[in-house]
């Protein structure tokens, strides 16, 4: 699937790979053809085809769960470009050797464009989102889905998720199109009321898989 945000000048290429239906993304500058691969979860030959006729400059991880990094080692060998990710702690005690550690507020250059990095912990401590300049779209990993936030693994993790939603995600423009690690993309404005209602409820000691209407 290819989506072209004319206002931003970036094309988004998406391919579902692996047994968990992971959305791997390639962001491509329309003018320079420079590209970044986001979350190489599986099927390196498929990822190669997704990046055809582009000039890769980096691999970026939204977080380090196994379904998002299954083809990482192979794609690093093939592309020979810098790996960028948050410094962690990483999921499942992954020992990650990145070329650039990304932090909240950092920017990554993709051709003529800039990608803003947001640290959005909760699902994992190392979860980040990648926002295009102008808030036209964000690759959100497992931070947020159409139907709810990413799974939390402890009471503390769920509370961190609530803070991330309240202070980071809801600060974004309603026009922001969110591209998650699994499932379809969606417009944040269409979900804002549901997210606000979710945040206004007392969830007690809950953690796990959540939906906006729970």
C-alpha atoms as a PDB file:
ATOM      1  CA  UNK A   1       0.000   0.000   0.000  1.00  0.00           C
ATOM      2  CA  UNK A   2       1.290   3.465  -0.903  1.00  0.00           C
ATOM      3  CA  UNK A   3      -0.075   6.688   0.570  1.00  0.00           C
ATOM      4  CA  UNK A   4       1.112  10.059  -0.636  1.00  0.00           C
ATOM      5  CA  UNK A   5       0.690  13.063   1.617  1.00  0.00           C
ATOM      6  CA  UNK A   6       0.945  15.867  -0.929  1.00  0.00           C
ATOM      7  CA  UNK A   7       1.256  18.567   1.733  1.00  0.00           C
ATOM      8  CA  UNK A   8       4.240  16.855   3.294  1.00  0.00           C
ATOM      9  CA  UNK A   9       6.044  15.641   0.171  1.00  0.00           C
ATOM     10  CA  UNK A  10       6.606  12.237   1.747  1.00  0.00           C
ATOM     11  CA  UNK A  11       5.250   8.961   0.477  1.00  0.00           C
ATOM     12  CA  UNK A  12       4.375   6.229   2.950  1.00  0.00           C
ATOM     13  CA  UNK A  13       4.758   2.665   1.776  1.00  0.00           C
ATOM     14  CA  UNK A  14       3.269  -0.002   4.015  1.00  0.00           C
ATOM     15  CA  UNK A  15       3.508  -3.773   3.869  1.00  0.00           C
ATOM     16  CA  UNK A  16       2.134  -6.282   6.328  1.00  0.00           C
ATOM     17  CA  UNK A  17       4.761  -8.920   7.108  1.00  0.00           C
ATOM     18  CA  UNK A  18       5.277 -11.855   9.436  1.00  0.00           C
ATOM     19  CA  UNK A  19       2.893 -14.050  11.452  1.00  0.00           C
ATOM     20  CA  UNK A  20       1.714 -11.162  13.675  1.00  0.00           C
ATOM     21  CA  UNK A  21       0.639  -8.908  10.802  1.00  0.00           C
ATOM     22  CA  UNK A  22       3.329  -6.317  11.453  1.00  0.00           C
ATOM     23  CA  UNK A  23       3.094  -3.109   9.420  1.00  0.00           C
ATOM     24  CA  UNK A  24       6.560  -2.342   8.072  1.00  0.00           C
ATOM     25  CA  UNK A  25       6.872   1.161   6.637  1.00  0.00           C
ATOM     26  CA  UNK A  26       9.138   2.979   4.209  1.00  0.00           C
ATOM     27  CA  UNK A  27       9.091   6.786   4.212  1.00  0.00           C
ATOM     28  CA  UNK A  28      10.271   8.237   0.912  1.00  0.00           C
ATOM     29  CA  UNK A  29      11.098  11.843   0.010  1.00  0.00           C
ATOM     30  CA  UNK A  30       9.226  12.417  -3.244  1.00  0.00           C
ATOM     31  CA  UNK A  31      11.939  14.632  -4.753  1.00  0.00           C
ATOM     32  CA  UNK A  32      15.210  13.020  -3.653  1.00  0.00           C
ATOM     33  CA  UNK A  33      14.011   9.400  -3.298  1.00  0.00           C
ATOM     34  CA  UNK A  34      15.842   9.194   0.025  1.00  0.00           C
ATOM     35  CA  UNK A  35      14.092   6.699   2.288  1.00  0.00           C
ATOM     36  CA  UNK A  36      14.002   5.209   5.774  1.00  0.00           C
ATOM     37  CA  UNK A  37      12.815   1.717   6.687  1.00  0.00           C
ATOM     38  CA  UNK A  38      10.721   1.593   9.860  1.00  0.00           C
ATOM     39  CA  UNK A  39      10.299  -1.665  11.814  1.00  0.00           C
ATOM     40  CA  UNK A  40      11.777  -4.468   9.675  1.00  0.00           C
ATOM     41  CA  UNK A  41       9.698  -7.178  11.301  1.00  0.00           C
ATOM     42  CA  UNK A  42      10.026 -10.079   8.856  1.00  0.00           C
ATOM     43  CA  UNK A  43      10.345 -11.124   5.194  1.00  0.00           C
ATOM     44  CA  UNK A  44      13.490  -9.239   4.094  1.00  0.00           C
ATOM     45  CA  UNK A  45      12.910  -9.988   0.402  1.00  0.00           C
ATOM     46  CA  UNK A  46       9.503  -8.315   0.653  1.00  0.00           C
ATOM     47  CA  UNK A  47      11.069  -5.335   2.401  1.00  0.00           C
ATOM     48  CA  UNK A  48      13.656  -5.081  -0.368  1.00  0.00           C
ATOM     49  CA  UNK A  49      10.874  -4.843  -2.931  1.00  0.00           C
ATOM     50  CA  UNK A  50       9.104  -2.219  -0.842  1.00  0.00           C
ATOM     51  CA  UNK A  51      12.245  -0.082  -0.978  1.00  0.00           C
ATOM     52  CA  UNK A  52      12.876  -0.551  -4.690  1.00  0.00           C
ATOM     53  CA  UNK A  53      13.923   2.593  -6.586  1.00  0.00           C
ATOM     54  CA  UNK A  54      14.663   4.456  -3.340  1.00  0.00           C
ATOM     55  CA  UNK A  55      17.943   5.452  -1.707  1.00  0.00           C
ATOM     56  CA  UNK A  56      17.882   4.148   1.913  1.00  0.00           C
ATOM     57  CA  UNK A  57      19.532   6.357   4.536  1.00  0.00           C
ATOM     58  CA  UNK A  58      18.482   4.676   7.803  1.00  0.00           C
ATOM     59  CA  UNK A  59      16.554   1.966   9.619  1.00  0.00           C
ATOM     60  CA  UNK A  60      14.422   3.204  12.511  1.00  0.00           C
ATOM     61  CA  UNK A  61      12.736   1.110  15.206  1.00  0.00           C
ATOM     62  CA  UNK A  62       9.585   2.270  16.963  1.00  0.00           C
ATOM     63  CA  UNK A  63      10.424  -0.258  19.714  1.00  0.00           C
ATOM     64  CA  UNK A  64      12.181  -3.580  20.158  1.00  0.00           C
ATOM     65  CA  UNK A  65       9.467  -6.234  20.455  1.00  0.00           C
ATOM     66  CA  UNK A  66      10.388  -9.281  18.406  1.00  0.00           C
ATOM     67  CA  UNK A  67       7.647  -8.799  15.808  1.00  0.00           C
ATOM     68  CA  UNK A  68       9.139  -5.402  14.936  1.00  0.00           C
ATOM     69  CA  UNK A  69      12.787  -6.486  14.646  1.00  0.00           C
ATOM     70  CA  UNK A  70      12.634 -10.029  13.239  1.00  0.00           C
ATOM     71  CA  UNK A  71      14.409  -9.079   9.994  1.00  0.00           C
ATOM     72  CA  UNK A  72      16.588  -6.356  11.504  1.00  0.00           C
ATOM     73  CA  UNK A  73      19.908  -8.189  11.345  1.00  0.00           C
ATOM     74  CA  UNK A  74      19.393  -9.189   7.724  1.00  0.00           C
ATOM     75  CA  UNK A  75      18.245  -5.739   6.625  1.00  0.00           C
ATOM     76  CA  UNK A  76      21.251  -4.139   8.302  1.00  0.00           C
ATOM     77  CA  UNK A  77      23.475  -6.422   6.252  1.00  0.00           C
ATOM     78  CA  UNK A  78      21.643  -5.647   3.029  1.00  0.00           C
ATOM     79  CA  UNK A  79      21.171  -1.893   3.384  1.00  0.00           C
ATOM     80  CA  UNK A  80      24.355  -0.960   5.273  1.00  0.00           C
ATOM     81  CA  UNK A  81      22.742   2.164   6.707  1.00  0.00           C
ATOM     82  CA  UNK A  82      22.652   3.527  10.273  1.00  0.00           C
ATOM     83  CA  UNK A  83      20.266   1.978  12.777  1.00  0.00           C
ATOM     84  CA  UNK A  84      18.327   4.450  14.913  1.00  0.00           C
ATOM     85  CA  UNK A  85      16.288   3.635  18.021  1.00  0.00           C
ATOM     86  CA  UNK A  86      15.544   4.767  21.547  1.00  0.00           C
ATOM     87  CA  UNK A  87      18.206   3.913  24.119  1.00  0.00           C
ATOM     88  CA  UNK A  88      15.776   1.885  26.217  1.00  0.00           C
ATOM     89  CA  UNK A  89      15.374  -0.023  28.440  1.00  0.00           C
ATOM     90  CA  UNK A  90      14.598  -2.276  25.516  1.00  0.00           C
ATOM     91  CA  UNK A  91      11.805  -4.824  25.342  1.00  0.00           C
ATOM     92  CA  UNK A  92      12.586  -8.416  26.289  1.00  0.00           C
ATOM     93  CA  UNK A  93      16.124  -7.390  27.347  1.00  0.00           C
ATOM     94  CA  UNK A  94      17.131  -6.998  23.687  1.00  0.00           C
ATOM     95  CA  UNK A  95      20.820  -6.112  23.348  1.00  0.00           C
ATOM     96  CA  UNK A  96      20.647  -3.457  20.655  1.00  0.00           C
ATOM     97  CA  UNK A  97      23.668  -1.884  18.994  1.00  0.00           C
ATOM     98  CA  UNK A  98      22.352   1.277  17.335  1.00  0.00           C
ATOM     99  CA  UNK A  99      24.336   3.862  15.406  1.00  0.00           C
ATOM    100  CA  UNK A 100      22.210   6.713  16.747  1.00  0.00           C
ATOM    101  CA  UNK A 101      20.132   6.772  19.905  1.00  0.00           C
ATOM    102  CA  UNK A 102      16.955   8.798  19.477  1.00  0.00           C
ATOM    103  CA  UNK A 103      15.386  10.864  22.256  1.00  0.00           C
ATOM    104  CA  UNK A 104      12.225  12.925  22.580  1.00  0.00           C
ATOM    105  CA  UNK A 105      12.604  16.090  20.496  1.00  0.00           C
ATOM    106  CA  UNK A 106      15.217  14.711  18.127  1.00  0.00           C
ATOM    107  CA  UNK A 107      14.854  15.086  14.361  1.00  0.00           C
ATOM    108  CA  UNK A 108      15.784  12.715  11.541  1.00  0.00           C
ATOM    109  CA  UNK A 109      16.421  14.031   8.032  1.00  0.00           C
ATOM    110  CA  UNK A 110      14.815  12.168   5.128  1.00  0.00           C
ATOM    111  CA  UNK A 111      15.769  13.902   1.899  1.00  0.00           C
ATOM    112  CA  UNK A 112      14.198  17.366   1.990  1.00  0.00           C
ATOM    113  CA  UNK A 113      12.121  16.591   5.073  1.00  0.00           C
ATOM    114  CA  UNK A 114      12.406  16.244   8.827  1.00  0.00           C
ATOM    115  CA  UNK A 115      10.881  13.608  11.071  1.00  0.00           C
ATOM    116  CA  UNK A 116      10.250  14.572  14.692  1.00  0.00           C
ATOM    117  CA  UNK A 117      10.805  11.951  17.382  1.00  0.00           C
ATOM    118  CA  UNK A 118       8.320  11.590  20.257  1.00  0.00           C
ATOM    119  CA  UNK A 119       9.090   9.279  23.169  1.00  0.00           C
ATOM    120  CA  UNK A 120       5.774   7.563  23.942  1.00  0.00           C
ATOM    121  CA  UNK A 121       6.398   4.914  26.630  1.00  0.00           C
ATOM    122  CA  UNK A 122       3.788   2.615  28.101  1.00  0.00           C
ATOM    123  CA  UNK A 123       3.577  -0.377  25.778  1.00  0.00           C
ATOM    124  CA  UNK A 124       7.364  -0.534  26.160  1.00  0.00           C
ATOM    125  CA  UNK A 125       9.844   1.854  27.786  1.00  0.00           C
ATOM    126  CA  UNK A 126      11.603   2.403  24.437  1.00  0.00           C
ATOM    127  CA  UNK A 127       8.503   3.145  22.339  1.00  0.00           C
ATOM    128  CA  UNK A 128       8.770   6.151  20.023  1.00  0.00           C
ATOM    129  CA  UNK A 129       6.594   7.772  17.361  1.00  0.00           C
ATOM    130  CA  UNK A 130       7.841   9.424  14.179  1.00  0.00           C
ATOM    131  CA  UNK A 131       5.957  12.574  13.230  1.00  0.00           C
ATOM    132  CA  UNK A 132       6.211  14.311   9.872  1.00  0.00           C
ATOM    133  CA  UNK A 133       6.756  18.063   9.935  1.00  0.00           C
ATOM    134  CA  UNK A 134       3.398  19.800  10.032  1.00  0.00           C
ATOM    135  CA  UNK A 135       1.694  16.906  11.850  1.00  0.00           C
ATOM    136  CA  UNK A 136       0.345  15.428   8.619  1.00  0.00           C
ATOM    137  CA  UNK A 137       1.076  11.900   9.791  1.00  0.00           C
ATOM    138  CA  UNK A 138       2.816   9.859  12.474  1.00  0.00           C
ATOM    139  CA  UNK A 139       4.181   6.324  12.452  1.00  0.00           C
ATOM    140  CA  UNK A 140       3.080   5.352  15.952  1.00  0.00           C
ATOM    141  CA  UNK A 141       4.271   1.771  16.382  1.00  0.00           C
ATOM    142  CA  UNK A 142       2.234   0.116  19.146  1.00  0.00           C
ATOM    143  CA  UNK A 143       1.589   3.349  21.057  1.00  0.00           C
ATOM    144  CA  UNK A 144      -1.977   3.644  19.810  1.00  0.00           C
ATOM    145  CA  UNK A 145      -4.341   1.737  17.542  1.00  0.00           C
ATOM    146  CA  UNK A 146      -7.706   2.533  16.023  1.00  0.00           C
ATOM    147  CA  UNK A 147      -9.468   0.661  18.810  1.00  0.00           C
ATOM    148  CA  UNK A 148      -7.305   1.415  21.829  1.00  0.00           C
ATOM    149  CA  UNK A 149      -3.811   1.899  23.233  1.00  0.00           C
ATOM    150  CA  UNK A 150      -1.031  -0.664  22.943  1.00  0.00           C
ATOM    151  CA  UNK A 151      -1.058  -3.513  25.453  1.00  0.00           C
ATOM    152  CA  UNK A 152       0.435  -2.762  28.856  1.00  0.00           C
ATOM    153  CA  UNK A 153       2.274  -5.412  30.843  1.00  0.00           C
ATOM    154  CA  UNK A 154       1.950  -4.034  34.383  1.00  0.00           C
ATOM    155  CA  UNK A 155      -0.090  -1.562  36.421  1.00  0.00           C
ATOM    156  CA  UNK A 156       2.810   0.879  36.204  1.00  0.00           C
ATOM    157  CA  UNK A 157       3.036   0.423  32.429  1.00  0.00           C
ATOM    158  CA  UNK A 158      -0.668   1.203  32.024  1.00  0.00           C
ATOM    159  CA  UNK A 159      -0.331   4.351  34.130  1.00  0.00           C
ATOM    160  CA  UNK A 160       2.588   5.430  31.919  1.00  0.00           C
ATOM    161  CA  UNK A 161       0.376   4.798  28.874  1.00  0.00           C
ATOM    162  CA  UNK A 162      -2.294   7.105  30.304  1.00  0.00           C
ATOM    163  CA  UNK A 163       0.288   9.873  30.775  1.00  0.00           C
ATOM    164  CA  UNK A 164       1.572   9.375  27.228  1.00  0.00           C
ATOM    165  CA  UNK A 165      -1.938   9.632  25.801  1.00  0.00           C
ATOM    166  CA  UNK A 166      -2.821  12.694  27.848  1.00  0.00           C
ATOM    167  CA  UNK A 167       0.371  14.711  27.477  1.00  0.00           C
ATOM    168  CA  UNK A 168       1.774  13.627  24.105  1.00  0.00           C
ATOM    169  CA  UNK A 169      -0.750  11.981  21.776  1.00  0.00           C
ATOM    170  CA  UNK A 170      -3.586  14.415  22.523  1.00  0.00           C
ATOM    171  CA  UNK A 171      -1.230  17.338  21.915  1.00  0.00           C
ATOM    172  CA  UNK A 172      -1.110  16.411  18.229  1.00  0.00           C
ATOM    173  CA  UNK A 173      -3.292  17.972  15.560  1.00  0.00           C
ATOM    174  CA  UNK A 174      -6.670  16.407  14.811  1.00  0.00           C
ATOM    175  CA  UNK A 175      -5.513  16.140  11.191  1.00  0.00           C
ATOM    176  CA  UNK A 176      -2.683  13.768  12.103  1.00  0.00           C
ATOM    177  CA  UNK A 177      -3.043  10.420  10.369  1.00  0.00           C
ATOM    178  CA  UNK A 178      -1.692   7.664  12.623  1.00  0.00           C
ATOM    179  CA  UNK A 179       0.030   4.646  11.090  1.00  0.00           C
ATOM    180  CA  UNK A 180       0.227   1.886  13.724  1.00  0.00           C
ATOM    181  CA  UNK A 181       2.342  -1.241  13.967  1.00  0.00           C
ATOM    182  CA  UNK A 182      -0.729  -3.418  13.350  1.00  0.00           C
ATOM    183  CA  UNK A 183      -4.053  -2.758  11.691  1.00  0.00           C
ATOM    184  CA  UNK A 184      -5.362   0.189   9.651  1.00  0.00           C
ATOM    185  CA  UNK A 185      -4.371   3.841   9.753  1.00  0.00           C
ATOM    186  CA  UNK A 186      -6.785   6.383  11.235  1.00  0.00           C
ATOM    187  CA  UNK A 187      -7.204  10.109  11.766  1.00  0.00           C
ATOM    188  CA  UNK A 188      -6.519  11.214  15.334  1.00  0.00           C
ATOM    189  CA  UNK A 189      -9.390  13.698  15.278  1.00  0.00           C
ATOM    190  CA  UNK A 190     -11.834  10.844  14.703  1.00  0.00           C
ATOM    191  CA  UNK A 191     -10.651   9.202  17.947  1.00  0.00           C
ATOM    192  CA  UNK A 192     -10.072  12.230  20.178  1.00  0.00           C
ATOM    193  CA  UNK A 193     -13.423  12.131  22.002  1.00  0.00           C
ATOM    194  CA  UNK A 194     -13.092   8.398  22.626  1.00  0.00           C
ATOM    195  CA  UNK A 195      -9.550   8.825  23.956  1.00  0.00           C
ATOM    196  CA  UNK A 196     -10.602  11.697  26.202  1.00  0.00           C
ATOM    197  CA  UNK A 197     -13.505   9.640  27.569  1.00  0.00           C
ATOM    198  CA  UNK A 198     -11.121   6.720  28.163  1.00  0.00           C
ATOM    199  CA  UNK A 199      -8.769   8.979  30.111  1.00  0.00           C
ATOM    200  CA  UNK A 200     -11.593  10.383  32.234  1.00  0.00           C
ATOM    201  CA  UNK A 201     -12.516   6.923  33.592  1.00  0.00           C
ATOM    202  CA  UNK A 202     -11.075   5.336  36.721  1.00  0.00           C
ATOM    203  CA  UNK A 203      -9.391   2.138  35.531  1.00  0.00           C
ATOM    204  CA  UNK A 204      -8.193   1.129  38.981  1.00  0.00           C
ATOM    205  CA  UNK A 205      -5.370  -1.421  38.908  1.00  0.00           C
ATOM    206  CA  UNK A 206      -6.006  -2.474  35.309  1.00  0.00           C
ATOM    207  CA  UNK A 207      -3.324  -3.449  32.829  1.00  0.00           C
ATOM    208  CA  UNK A 208      -3.377  -5.509  29.628  1.00  0.00           C
ATOM    209  CA  UNK A 209      -5.297  -5.136  26.363  1.00  0.00           C
ATOM    210  CA  UNK A 210      -7.537  -2.061  26.501  1.00  0.00           C
ATOM    211  CA  UNK A 211     -10.200  -0.583  24.223  1.00  0.00           C
ATOM    212  CA  UNK A 212     -11.432   2.987  24.117  1.00  0.00           C
ATOM    213  CA  UNK A 213     -14.960   1.967  25.139  1.00  0.00           C
ATOM    214  CA  UNK A 214     -14.033  -0.189  28.155  1.00  0.00           C
END
